Amino acid sequence: KIVEFLNVSKSYGDRKLIKDFTYFLKRGDRIGIIGANGAGKTTLLEILTKRAEPDAGEIAIGQTVHIGYYDQESRALNEDQRVIDYIRETAEYVSTADGTQITASQMLEKFLFQPAAQYSFIRNLSGGERRRLYLLKILMGAPNVLLLDEPTNDLDIPTLIALEEYLDDFPGALVVVSHDRYFLDRTIENIFKFEQGGEIREFPGDYSAYLEITERESKEAESPKTEMRATTNVQISEVENVVAKKLSFKEQRELETLEKEISENEKRAAEIVNELNLYATDSYKLNEIFGEQQRLNERLERDVQRWSELAERGDI
């Protein structure tokens, strides 16, 4: 146990964000935190880093714990400093899990700063490059507890791939706040879900496992309705006929087409994730694939929304 949350609660005004939360964070934990915007996810990280105090309960942090926190705040960097000097301020080298020492220059290269770029001034960097540099500075501090608050919001795809590879060998505790299913599936092993009233529910497994659990629970919650229908001798085929009558012929065909397209696009989305890993060192190809991923996600969102509208109208 390196960090202990003991009955921690936090409110803002009348709004309860965290209620009686107890958890012992251990070395090797890989936790993803999800929930609605404003639910309290970042607040939990703020309490962990002592930037905020709980209203009740306590948090105990081990003496050897070193926290690295990549937050969503923008930071002004010294424009007249060279890239490599900015990193060397933190450390000349960092040790990997197997004891290998990696120099600041080697780490910069792993995070896509080629040798020539390492001696350029920070003022010449783009906004995305500055965020990548700031992330690397945190990692060079050799934290044994790493907190990432919405890293996919402002890190580009090549940087995220480099980060994922770094996390593969990260031996400490990892806590990630994110809405990105693919990043969570790639990096975490447990989900903490912020629910109403400040309750935090734990789910074993990655984000896909969480979706399977909640889908199964939803079906189980619907089972009493199914049984009630069965007692009135309403067969599945009859239900489908009623649904079909509630939709026009054109809408019924649209519903069937959407189901097929959604299935195909979800398969393509999974293929894209593999391609992003395959072309990790080809920035041109990565940008091309990333563009397709964005367009595909937008199409999926529209199709799923339309499918839900039609399915709801046909629901009895």
Protein backbone atom coordinates (compact mmCIF):
# COMPACT_ATOMS: atom_id res chain seq x y z
CA LYS A 1 0.00 0.00 0.00
CA ILE A 2 1.55 3.27 -1.09
CA VAL A 3 -1.51 5.54 -0.82
CA GLU A 4 -4.54 5.01 1.43
CA PHE A 5 -7.90 6.69 0.97
CA LEU A 6 -9.92 6.27 4.17
CA ASN A 7 -13.61 7.27 4.03
CA VAL A 8 -12.79 10.32 1.91
CA SER A 9 -15.67 12.69 1.10
CA LYS A 10 -15.74 15.95 -0.82
CA SER A 11 -18.51 18.38 -1.71
CA TYR A 12 -18.77 21.74 -3.43
CA GLY A 13 -21.75 23.60 -2.04
CA ASP A 14 -24.69 21.20 -1.92
CA ARG A 15 -23.17 18.92 -4.52
CA LYS A 16 -21.56 15.72 -3.23
CA LEU A 17 -18.67 14.72 -5.52
CA ILE A 18 -17.02 11.98 -3.45
CA LYS A 19 -18.78 9.98 -0.72
CA ASP A 20 -17.00 7.74 1.81
CA PHE A 21 -14.35 6.56 -0.65
CA THR A 22 -11.90 3.98 0.70
CA TYR A 23 -9.16 2.40 -1.38
CA PHE A 24 -5.57 1.25 -0.86
CA LEU A 25 -3.50 2.13 -3.93
CA LYS A 26 -0.75 -0.44 -4.52
CA ARG A 27 2.35 -0.72 -6.68
CA GLY A 28 1.34 -2.04 -10.09
CA ASP A 29 -2.25 -0.78 -9.91
CA ARG A 30 -3.53 0.46 -13.28
CA ILE A 31 -6.76 2.33 -12.72
CA GLY A 32 -8.99 4.18 -15.18
CA ILE A 33 -11.41 6.77 -13.81
CA ILE A 34 -14.57 7.51 -15.77
CA GLY A 35 -17.78 9.46 -15.23
CA ALA A 36 -19.72 12.47 -16.41
CA ASN A 37 -18.04 15.86 -16.81
CA GLY A 38 -17.92 17.61 -13.45
CA ALA A 39 -18.54 14.38 -11.54
CA GLY A 40 -15.38 14.79 -9.43
CA LYS A 41 -12.75 12.79 -11.31
CA THR A 42 -10.14 15.55 -11.35
CA THR A 43 -11.06 16.45 -7.77
CA LEU A 44 -9.97 12.97 -6.69
CA LEU A 45 -6.57 13.53 -8.32
CA GLU A 46 -6.34 16.96 -6.67
CA ILE A 47 -6.92 15.36 -3.27
CA LEU A 48 -4.28 12.73 -4.02
CA THR A 49 -1.73 15.43 -4.87
CA LYS A 50 -2.70 17.56 -1.83
CA ARG A 51 -3.92 20.40 -4.06
CA ALA A 52 -7.32 19.96 -2.42
CA GLU A 53 -8.36 18.75 1.02
CA PRO A 54 -11.19 16.29 1.69
CA ASP A 55 -14.15 17.47 3.74
CA ALA A 56 -14.06 14.22 5.69
CA GLY A 57 -11.83 11.17 5.92
CA GLU A 58 -8.11 11.14 5.34
CA ILE A 59 -5.47 10.23 2.81
CA ALA A 60 -2.15 8.68 3.84
CA ILE A 61 0.80 8.76 1.43
CA GLY A 62 3.90 6.62 1.95
CA GLN A 63 7.23 8.33 2.60
CA THR A 64 8.85 6.92 -0.55
CA VAL A 65 5.98 7.88 -2.85
CA HIS A 66 6.89 10.25 -5.68
CA ILE A 67 3.86 11.45 -7.64
CA GLY A 68 3.99 12.59 -11.26
CA TYR A 69 0.87 14.50 -12.29
CA TYR A 70 0.07 15.37 -15.90
CA ASP A 71 -2.89 17.73 -15.54
CA GLN A 72 -4.94 19.81 -17.96
CA GLU A 73 -3.41 23.16 -17.06
CA SER A 74 -1.35 25.08 -19.60
CA ARG A 75 2.09 26.03 -18.37
CA ALA A 76 4.39 28.77 -19.57
CA LEU A 77 7.82 27.38 -20.43
CA ASN A 78 11.06 29.35 -20.64
CA GLU A 79 11.08 30.43 -24.28
CA ASP A 80 14.85 30.97 -24.29
CA GLN A 81 15.73 27.53 -22.94
CA ARG A 82 16.85 24.67 -25.14
CA VAL A 83 14.72 21.53 -25.21
CA ILE A 84 17.39 19.23 -23.82
CA ASP A 85 18.31 21.65 -21.03
CA TYR A 86 14.67 21.80 -19.93
CA ILE A 87 14.65 18.01 -19.53
CA ARG A 88 18.11 17.82 -17.94
CA GLU A 89 16.91 20.20 -15.23
CA THR A 90 14.91 17.26 -13.93
CA ALA A 91 17.39 14.44 -14.56
CA GLU A 92 20.36 13.51 -16.73
CA TYR A 93 19.06 9.96 -17.04
CA VAL A 94 16.26 7.70 -15.85
CA SER A 95 16.31 3.99 -14.95
CA THR A 96 13.91 1.49 -16.53
CA ALA A 97 12.21 -1.38 -14.71
CA ASP A 98 15.09 -3.74 -15.57
CA GLY A 99 17.73 -1.29 -14.32
CA THR A 100 18.82 0.04 -17.71
CA GLN A 101 19.77 3.70 -17.66
CA ILE A 102 18.36 5.92 -20.42
CA THR A 103 19.82 9.37 -20.94
CA ALA A 104 17.75 12.53 -21.28
CA SER A 105 18.64 12.64 -24.97
CA GLN A 106 17.49 9.04 -25.50
CA MET A 107 14.21 9.72 -23.72
CA LEU A 108 13.68 12.80 -25.88
CA GLU A 109 14.18 10.67 -28.97
CA LYS A 110 11.69 8.08 -27.68
CA PHE A 111 9.20 10.92 -27.43
CA LEU A 112 9.83 12.07 -31.01
CA PHE A 113 12.39 14.83 -30.42
CA GLN A 114 15.14 13.96 -32.88
CA PRO A 115 18.76 14.91 -31.97
CA ALA A 116 18.72 18.11 -34.02
CA ALA A 117 15.44 19.24 -32.46
CA GLN A 118 16.76 18.67 -28.94
CA TYR A 119 19.01 21.71 -29.21
CA SER A 120 16.35 24.02 -30.58
CA PHE A 121 14.80 26.66 -28.34
CA ILE A 122 11.43 26.09 -26.73
CA ARG A 123 10.09 29.21 -28.45
CA ASN A 124 10.28 27.31 -31.75
CA LEU A 125 8.02 24.48 -30.56
CA SER A 126 4.36 24.11 -31.46
CA GLY A 127 1.70 23.88 -28.77
CA GLY A 128 1.52 20.10 -29.15
CA GLU A 129 5.29 19.76 -28.89
CA ARG A 130 5.29 21.82 -25.70
CA ARG A 131 2.69 19.53 -24.11
CA ARG A 132 4.77 16.53 -25.13
CA LEU A 133 7.87 18.12 -23.63
CA TYR A 134 6.02 18.86 -20.39
CA LEU A 135 4.82 15.24 -20.22
CA LEU A 136 8.37 13.99 -20.71
CA LYS A 137 9.66 16.23 -17.92
CA ILE A 138 7.18 14.57 -15.56
CA LEU A 139 8.31 11.10 -16.64
CA MET A 140 11.98 12.06 -16.23
CA GLY A 141 11.19 12.73 -12.57
CA ALA A 142 10.87 8.92 -12.18
CA PRO A 143 7.50 8.90 -10.39
CA ASN A 144 6.27 5.70 -8.77
CA VAL A 145 2.69 6.99 -8.87
CA LEU A 146 1.70 8.49 -12.23
CA LEU A 147 -1.53 10.48 -12.65
CA LEU A 148 -2.78 11.36 -16.14
CA ASP A 149 -5.77 13.69 -16.44
CA GLU A 150 -7.38 13.41 -19.89
CA PRO A 151 -4.10 12.83 -21.75
CA THR A 152 -5.85 12.15 -25.06
CA ASN A 153 -7.39 15.64 -25.10
CA ASP A 154 -4.26 17.48 -26.16
CA LEU A 155 -1.58 14.90 -26.98
CA ASP A 156 -1.31 13.87 -30.63
CA ILE A 157 -1.44 10.26 -31.79
CA PRO A 158 2.35 9.72 -32.13
CA THR A 159 2.85 11.06 -28.58
CA LEU A 160 0.10 8.82 -27.22
CA ILE A 161 1.70 5.79 -28.86
CA ALA A 162 5.06 6.70 -27.30
CA LEU A 163 3.32 7.13 -23.94
CA GLU A 164 1.58 3.76 -24.25
CA GLU A 165 4.92 2.07 -24.94
CA TYR A 166 6.44 3.79 -21.90
CA LEU A 167 3.53 2.64 -19.73
CA ASP A 168 3.98 -0.98 -20.88
CA ASP A 169 7.10 -1.13 -18.70
CA PHE A 170 6.03 1.31 -15.99
CA PRO A 171 6.32 -0.54 -12.65
CA GLY A 172 4.50 1.95 -10.43
CA ALA A 173 0.83 2.75 -9.85
CA LEU A 174 -1.00 4.37 -12.76
CA VAL A 175 -4.23 6.38 -12.45
CA VAL A 176 -5.82 7.70 -15.67
CA VAL A 177 -8.83 9.99 -16.05
CA SER A 178 -10.09 9.58 -19.60
CA HIS A 179 -13.13 9.21 -21.86
CA ASP A 180 -11.03 7.46 -24.51
CA ARG A 181 -12.03 3.80 -24.69
CA TYR A 182 -9.05 2.70 -26.75
CA PHE A 183 -6.46 4.39 -24.53
CA LEU A 184 -8.04 2.90 -21.41
CA ASP A 185 -8.17 -0.57 -22.96
CA ARG A 186 -4.49 -0.24 -23.82
CA THR A 187 -3.27 0.95 -20.42
CA ILE A 188 -5.48 0.05 -17.46
CA GLU A 189 -6.79 -3.01 -15.60
CA ASN A 190 -9.52 -1.61 -13.33
CA ILE A 191 -12.26 0.98 -13.79
CA PHE A 192 -13.51 3.39 -11.14
CA LYS A 193 -16.89 4.82 -12.20
CA PHE A 194 -18.19 8.04 -10.63
CA GLU A 195 -21.92 7.59 -10.08
CA GLN A 196 -24.67 9.78 -8.69
CA GLY A 197 -24.36 11.05 -5.14
CA GLY A 198 -20.58 10.79 -5.07
CA GLU A 199 -20.47 7.00 -5.10
CA ILE A 200 -17.40 5.47 -6.79
CA ARG A 201 -17.94 1.96 -8.08
CA GLU A 202 -15.08 -0.37 -9.01
CA PHE A 203 -15.18 -2.66 -12.05
CA PRO A 204 -12.49 -5.28 -12.72
CA GLY A 205 -10.88 -5.23 -16.16
CA ASP A 206 -10.42 -2.61 -18.86
CA TYR A 207 -13.04 -0.31 -20.40
CA SER A 208 -14.36 -2.98 -22.76
CA ALA A 209 -14.88 -5.31 -19.78
CA TYR A 210 -16.74 -2.50 -17.99
CA LEU A 211 -19.07 -2.11 -20.99
CA GLU A 212 -19.77 -5.85 -21.01
CA ILE A 213 -20.60 -5.83 -17.29
CA THR A 214 -22.94 -2.84 -17.53
CA GLU A 215 -24.62 -4.23 -20.64
CA ARG A 216 -25.23 -7.53 -18.87
CA GLU A 217 -26.63 -5.72 -15.83
CA SER A 218 -28.92 -3.70 -18.07
CA LYS A 219 -30.25 -6.86 -19.69
CA GLU A 220 -30.78 -8.47 -16.29
CA ALA A 221 -32.72 -5.40 -15.16
CA GLU A 222 -34.94 -5.79 -18.21
CA SER A 223 -35.59 -9.50 -17.59
CA PRO A 224 -38.66 -8.95 -15.33
CA LYS A 225 -40.31 -7.06 -18.20
CA THR A 226 -39.52 -9.95 -20.53
CA GLU A 227 -41.03 -12.46 -18.09
CA MET A 228 -44.17 -10.36 -17.73
CA ARG A 229 -44.56 -10.30 -21.50
CA ALA A 230 -44.08 -14.06 -21.59
CA THR A 231 -46.98 -14.56 -19.16
CA THR A 232 -49.25 -12.81 -21.62
CA ASN A 233 -48.07 -15.22 -24.36
CA VAL A 234 -46.43 -12.50 -26.44
CA GLN A 235 -43.81 -14.30 -28.51
CA ILE A 236 -40.62 -12.67 -29.81
CA SER A 237 -41.80 -12.89 -33.39
CA GLU A 238 -45.02 -11.09 -32.50
CA VAL A 239 -43.08 -8.34 -30.75
CA GLU A 240 -40.97 -7.86 -33.87
CA ASN A 241 -44.11 -7.58 -35.97
CA VAL A 242 -45.51 -4.89 -33.70
CA VAL A 243 -42.23 -2.98 -33.87
CA ALA A 244 -42.25 -3.22 -37.64
CA LYS A 245 -45.76 -1.78 -37.76
CA LYS A 246 -44.70 1.22 -35.68
CA LEU A 247 -42.06 2.10 -38.24
CA SER A 248 -42.66 2.80 -41.89
CA PHE A 249 -41.25 0.35 -44.41
CA LYS A 250 -38.55 2.88 -45.32
CA GLU A 251 -37.61 3.39 -41.66
CA GLN A 252 -37.51 -0.36 -41.03
CA ARG A 253 -35.07 -0.76 -43.94
CA GLU A 254 -33.03 2.17 -42.60
CA LEU A 255 -32.86 0.50 -39.18
CA GLU A 256 -31.60 -2.75 -40.72
CA THR A 257 -29.03 -0.89 -42.83
CA LEU A 258 -27.78 1.09 -39.83
CA GLU A 259 -27.26 -2.10 -37.81
CA LYS A 260 -25.09 -3.52 -40.59
CA GLU A 261 -23.11 -0.30 -41.08
CA ILE A 262 -22.51 0.15 -37.35
CA SER A 263 -21.18 -3.41 -37.10
CA GLU A 264 -18.85 -2.90 -40.08
CA ASN A 265 -17.60 0.47 -38.83
CA GLU A 266 -16.90 -0.92 -35.36
CA LYS A 267 -14.76 -3.63 -36.98
CA ARG A 268 -12.91 -0.97 -38.97
CA ALA A 269 -12.39 1.08 -35.78
CA ALA A 270 -10.67 -1.93 -34.19
CA GLU A 271 -8.47 -2.35 -37.29
CA ILE A 272 -7.45 1.32 -37.10
CA VAL A 273 -6.16 0.85 -33.54
CA ASN A 274 -3.86 -1.93 -34.80
CA GLU A 275 -2.71 0.24 -37.72
CA LEU A 276 -1.81 3.10 -35.36
CA ASN A 277 0.56 0.74 -33.56
CA LEU A 278 1.90 -0.68 -36.83
CA TYR A 279 2.83 2.75 -38.25
CA ALA A 280 4.03 4.25 -34.95
CA THR A 281 7.20 5.66 -36.54
CA ASP A 282 5.60 7.01 -39.74
CA SER A 283 4.19 10.42 -38.82
CA TYR A 284 2.68 11.01 -42.30
CA LYS A 285 0.85 7.68 -42.28
CA LEU A 286 -0.22 8.23 -38.66
CA ASN A 287 -1.84 11.55 -39.47
CA GLU A 288 -3.65 9.93 -42.41
CA ILE A 289 -4.95 7.09 -40.21
CA PHE A 290 -5.85 9.50 -37.42
CA GLY A 291 -7.93 11.52 -39.87
CA GLU A 292 -9.82 8.40 -40.90
CA GLN A 293 -10.34 7.50 -37.23
CA GLN A 294 -11.88 10.90 -36.50
CA ARG A 295 -14.22 10.68 -39.50
CA LEU A 296 -15.19 7.12 -38.60
CA ASN A 297 -15.93 8.03 -34.97
CA GLU A 298 -18.12 10.93 -36.12
CA ARG A 299 -19.99 8.62 -38.50
CA LEU A 300 -20.46 6.01 -35.77
CA GLU A 301 -21.80 8.62 -33.38
CA ARG A 302 -24.35 9.84 -35.94
CA ASP A 303 -25.40 6.31 -36.92
CA VAL A 304 -25.78 5.11 -33.34
CA GLN A 305 -27.85 8.18 -32.47
CA ARG A 306 -30.14 7.62 -35.46
CA TRP A 307 -30.40 3.89 -34.70
CA SER A 308 -31.39 4.72 -31.09
CA GLU A 309 -34.09 7.11 -32.30
CA LEU A 310 -35.62 4.50 -34.58
CA ALA A 311 -35.31 1.70 -32.02
CA GLU A 312 -36.95 3.85 -29.35
CA ARG A 313 -39.89 4.64 -31.61
CA GLY A 314 -40.34 0.98 -32.29
CA ASP A 315 -40.06 -0.01 -28.62
CA ILE A 316 -43.19 -1.33 -26.97
